[in-house]
């Protein structure tokens, strides 16, 4: 199951993408698929045909895990 995440990088704009599994405590890198800026634009320092990027976790300050569409549909507000 792929997770949609936002990576907050040291000294750079936040990057949105997908990862196959969440990093474990012993991991030193993170592989992000379909990297893009939060507004959907291309990242200026990557080539246009790049589909995967490997970042060292030392450059990542925070990882936000976004809920999937499936999770959104599981629990909803109920009005009586």
N, C-alpha and C. Protein backbone atom coordinates (compact mmCIF):
# COMPACT_ATOMS: atom_id res chain seq x y z
N UNK A 1 0.84 -1.17 0.00
CA UNK A 1 0.00 0.00 0.00
C UNK A 1 0.89 1.24 0.00
N UNK A 2 0.67 2.10 -0.94
CA UNK A 2 1.45 3.33 -1.03
C UNK A 2 0.85 4.40 -0.13
N UNK A 3 1.72 5.20 0.45
CA UNK A 3 1.31 6.31 1.31
C UNK A 3 1.63 7.61 0.59
N UNK A 4 0.70 8.55 0.61
CA UNK A 4 0.97 9.90 0.13
C UNK A 4 1.56 10.68 1.30
N UNK A 5 2.69 11.33 1.05
CA UNK A 5 3.39 12.03 2.12
C UNK A 5 3.85 13.40 1.64
N UNK A 6 4.09 14.27 2.62
CA UNK A 6 4.75 15.54 2.37
C UNK A 6 6.06 15.51 3.14
N UNK A 7 7.16 15.67 2.41
CA UNK A 7 8.48 15.72 3.04
C UNK A 7 8.87 17.18 3.23
N UNK A 8 9.24 17.52 4.43
CA UNK A 8 9.76 18.85 4.72
C UNK A 8 11.28 18.72 4.76
N UNK A 9 11.94 19.35 3.79
CA UNK A 9 13.37 19.22 3.63
C UNK A 9 14.09 20.44 4.20
N UNK A 10 15.28 20.22 4.71
CA UNK A 10 16.09 21.30 5.27
C UNK A 10 16.46 22.28 4.16
N UNK A 11 16.05 23.54 4.31
CA UNK A 11 16.42 24.59 3.37
C UNK A 11 15.73 24.54 2.02
N UNK A 12 14.72 23.70 1.84
CA UNK A 12 14.02 23.58 0.56
C UNK A 12 12.51 23.64 0.79
N UNK A 13 11.78 23.80 -0.29
CA UNK A 13 10.31 23.77 -0.21
C UNK A 13 9.86 22.34 0.07
N UNK A 14 8.69 22.20 0.66
CA UNK A 14 8.12 20.88 0.95
C UNK A 14 7.81 20.15 -0.36
N UNK A 15 7.96 18.81 -0.32
CA UNK A 15 7.78 17.99 -1.51
C UNK A 15 6.69 16.95 -1.24
N UNK A 16 5.77 16.81 -2.18
CA UNK A 16 4.68 15.85 -2.10
C UNK A 16 5.02 14.66 -2.98
N UNK A 17 4.65 13.46 -2.53
CA UNK A 17 4.89 12.26 -3.33
C UNK A 17 4.34 11.03 -2.63
N UNK A 18 4.69 9.87 -3.14
CA UNK A 18 4.22 8.61 -2.57
C UNK A 18 5.42 7.75 -2.17
N UNK A 19 5.23 6.99 -1.09
CA UNK A 19 6.24 6.02 -0.66
C UNK A 19 5.54 4.68 -0.48
N UNK A 20 6.28 3.59 -0.66
CA UNK A 20 5.71 2.25 -0.55
C UNK A 20 5.50 1.84 0.90
N UNK A 21 6.44 2.20 1.77
CA UNK A 21 6.29 1.89 3.19
C UNK A 21 6.92 2.99 4.02
N UNK A 22 6.44 3.14 5.22
CA UNK A 22 6.96 4.17 6.11
C UNK A 22 8.37 3.81 6.55
N UNK A 23 9.23 4.82 6.73
CA UNK A 23 10.61 4.53 7.13
C UNK A 23 10.67 3.91 8.53
N UNK A 24 11.60 3.01 8.69
CA UNK A 24 11.84 2.36 9.98
C UNK A 24 12.92 3.12 10.73
N UNK A 25 13.03 2.94 12.04
CA UNK A 25 14.03 3.68 12.81
C UNK A 25 15.47 3.51 12.31
N UNK A 26 15.80 2.38 11.73
CA UNK A 26 17.17 2.13 11.28
C UNK A 26 17.43 2.63 9.86
N UNK A 27 16.40 3.08 9.13
CA UNK A 27 16.57 3.54 7.75
C UNK A 27 17.36 4.84 7.70
N UNK A 28 18.14 4.99 6.61
CA UNK A 28 18.92 6.21 6.41
C UNK A 28 18.48 6.98 5.17
N UNK A 29 17.64 6.35 4.33
CA UNK A 29 17.16 7.00 3.11
C UNK A 29 15.65 6.82 3.00
N UNK A 30 15.04 7.65 2.16
CA UNK A 30 13.62 7.51 1.84
C UNK A 30 13.49 7.66 0.32
N UNK A 31 12.71 6.77 -0.28
CA UNK A 31 12.49 6.79 -1.73
C UNK A 31 11.09 7.33 -1.99
N UNK A 32 11.03 8.43 -2.72
CA UNK A 32 9.78 9.12 -3.02
C UNK A 32 9.46 8.96 -4.50
N UNK A 33 8.25 8.52 -4.80
CA UNK A 33 7.79 8.35 -6.18
C UNK A 33 6.92 9.54 -6.56
N UNK A 34 7.01 9.96 -7.81
CA UNK A 34 6.24 11.10 -8.35
C UNK A 34 6.45 12.37 -7.51
N UNK A 35 7.70 12.79 -7.33
CA UNK A 35 7.94 14.00 -6.53
C UNK A 35 7.44 15.26 -7.23
N UNK A 36 6.81 16.13 -6.44
CA UNK A 36 6.30 17.40 -6.96
C UNK A 36 6.15 18.36 -5.79
N UNK A 37 6.05 19.63 -6.09
CA UNK A 37 5.79 20.60 -5.04
C UNK A 37 4.36 20.44 -4.55
N UNK A 38 4.06 21.01 -3.41
CA UNK A 38 2.71 20.86 -2.84
C UNK A 38 1.62 21.40 -3.74
N UNK A 39 1.94 22.37 -4.59
CA UNK A 39 0.95 22.92 -5.51
C UNK A 39 0.89 22.14 -6.82
N UNK A 40 1.63 21.04 -6.93
CA UNK A 40 1.61 20.18 -8.11
C UNK A 40 2.63 20.54 -9.18
N UNK A 41 3.38 21.61 -8.99
CA UNK A 41 4.37 22.02 -9.98
C UNK A 41 5.62 21.16 -9.88
N UNK A 42 6.42 21.18 -10.96
CA UNK A 42 7.68 20.44 -10.98
C UNK A 42 8.68 21.06 -10.01
N UNK A 43 9.58 20.23 -9.52
CA UNK A 43 10.65 20.70 -8.64
C UNK A 43 11.79 21.21 -9.52
N UNK A 44 12.20 22.45 -9.33
CA UNK A 44 13.12 23.11 -10.25
C UNK A 44 14.49 22.44 -10.35
N UNK A 45 14.95 21.75 -9.33
CA UNK A 45 16.28 21.14 -9.36
C UNK A 45 16.27 19.68 -9.82
N UNK A 46 15.10 19.16 -10.22
CA UNK A 46 15.00 17.81 -10.76
C UNK A 46 14.69 17.87 -12.25
N UNK A 47 15.17 16.89 -12.99
CA UNK A 47 14.84 16.78 -14.42
C UNK A 47 13.35 16.47 -14.57
N UNK A 48 12.79 16.80 -15.71
CA UNK A 48 11.35 16.63 -15.93
C UNK A 48 10.91 15.18 -15.97
N UNK A 49 11.78 14.25 -16.37
CA UNK A 49 11.38 12.86 -16.51
C UNK A 49 11.70 12.01 -15.27
N UNK A 50 12.04 12.63 -14.15
CA UNK A 50 12.34 11.91 -12.92
C UNK A 50 11.04 11.40 -12.29
N UNK A 51 11.01 10.09 -11.95
CA UNK A 51 9.82 9.52 -11.32
C UNK A 51 10.09 9.04 -9.90
N UNK A 52 11.37 8.86 -9.53
CA UNK A 52 11.72 8.46 -8.17
C UNK A 52 12.94 9.24 -7.72
N UNK A 53 12.92 9.64 -6.44
CA UNK A 53 14.05 10.35 -5.85
C UNK A 53 14.37 9.69 -4.52
N UNK A 54 15.66 9.53 -4.24
CA UNK A 54 16.10 8.97 -2.97
C UNK A 54 16.76 10.09 -2.18
N UNK A 55 16.18 10.42 -1.02
CA UNK A 55 16.72 11.46 -0.16
C UNK A 55 17.29 10.83 1.11
N UNK A 56 18.40 11.36 1.60
CA UNK A 56 18.87 10.90 2.91
C UNK A 56 17.94 11.46 3.99
N UNK A 57 17.60 10.65 4.96
CA UNK A 57 16.70 11.11 6.03
C UNK A 57 17.32 12.24 6.85
N UNK A 58 18.64 12.41 6.78
CA UNK A 58 19.28 13.52 7.48
C UNK A 58 18.84 14.87 6.92
N UNK A 59 18.36 14.90 5.68
CA UNK A 59 17.88 16.14 5.05
C UNK A 59 16.40 16.37 5.28
N UNK A 60 15.71 15.41 5.91
CA UNK A 60 14.26 15.50 6.13
C UNK A 60 14.01 15.91 7.57
N UNK A 61 13.25 17.00 7.76
CA UNK A 61 12.94 17.43 9.13
C UNK A 61 11.62 16.87 9.62
N UNK A 62 10.69 16.60 8.69
CA UNK A 62 9.37 16.14 9.08
C UNK A 62 8.74 15.40 7.91
N UNK A 63 8.01 14.32 8.21
CA UNK A 63 7.24 13.59 7.20
C UNK A 63 5.78 13.62 7.61
N UNK A 64 4.93 14.20 6.77
CA UNK A 64 3.49 14.19 7.02
C UNK A 64 2.86 13.09 6.17
N UNK A 65 2.10 12.22 6.79
CA UNK A 65 1.41 11.15 6.09
C UNK A 65 -0.03 11.60 5.86
N UNK A 66 -0.44 11.66 4.60
CA UNK A 66 -1.78 12.11 4.25
C UNK A 66 -2.73 10.92 4.21
N UNK A 67 -3.98 11.14 4.56
CA UNK A 67 -4.94 10.04 4.52
C UNK A 67 -5.31 9.74 3.08
N UNK A 68 -5.57 8.48 2.81
CA UNK A 68 -5.94 8.06 1.46
C UNK A 68 -7.43 8.27 1.25
N UNK A 69 -7.87 8.16 0.01
CA UNK A 69 -9.30 8.30 -0.29
C UNK A 69 -10.09 7.19 0.38
N UNK A 70 -9.50 5.98 0.49
CA UNK A 70 -10.18 4.87 1.15
C UNK A 70 -10.44 5.19 2.62
N UNK A 71 -9.45 5.77 3.29
CA UNK A 71 -9.60 6.11 4.70
C UNK A 71 -10.64 7.21 4.89
N UNK A 72 -10.71 8.15 3.95
CA UNK A 72 -11.70 9.22 4.04
C UNK A 72 -13.11 8.66 4.00
N UNK A 73 -13.32 7.62 3.21
CA UNK A 73 -14.65 7.05 3.05
C UNK A 73 -15.04 6.10 4.18
N UNK A 74 -14.07 5.63 4.95
CA UNK A 74 -14.38 4.68 6.03
C UNK A 74 -15.16 5.33 7.16
N UNK A 75 -14.77 6.50 7.57
CA UNK A 75 -15.41 7.17 8.69
C UNK A 75 -15.94 8.51 8.20
N UNK A 76 -17.21 8.75 8.45
CA UNK A 76 -17.79 10.02 8.03
C UNK A 76 -18.67 10.57 9.14
N UNK A 77 -19.10 11.77 8.97
CA UNK A 77 -19.97 12.40 9.96
C UNK A 77 -21.41 11.91 9.74
N UNK A 78 -22.09 11.66 10.82
CA UNK A 78 -23.46 11.17 10.74
C UNK A 78 -24.37 12.19 11.41
N UNK A 79 -25.40 12.58 10.69
CA UNK A 79 -26.40 13.48 11.27
C UNK A 79 -27.68 12.71 11.49
N UNK A 80 -28.33 13.00 12.58
CA UNK A 80 -29.58 12.33 12.88
C UNK A 80 -30.74 13.28 12.66
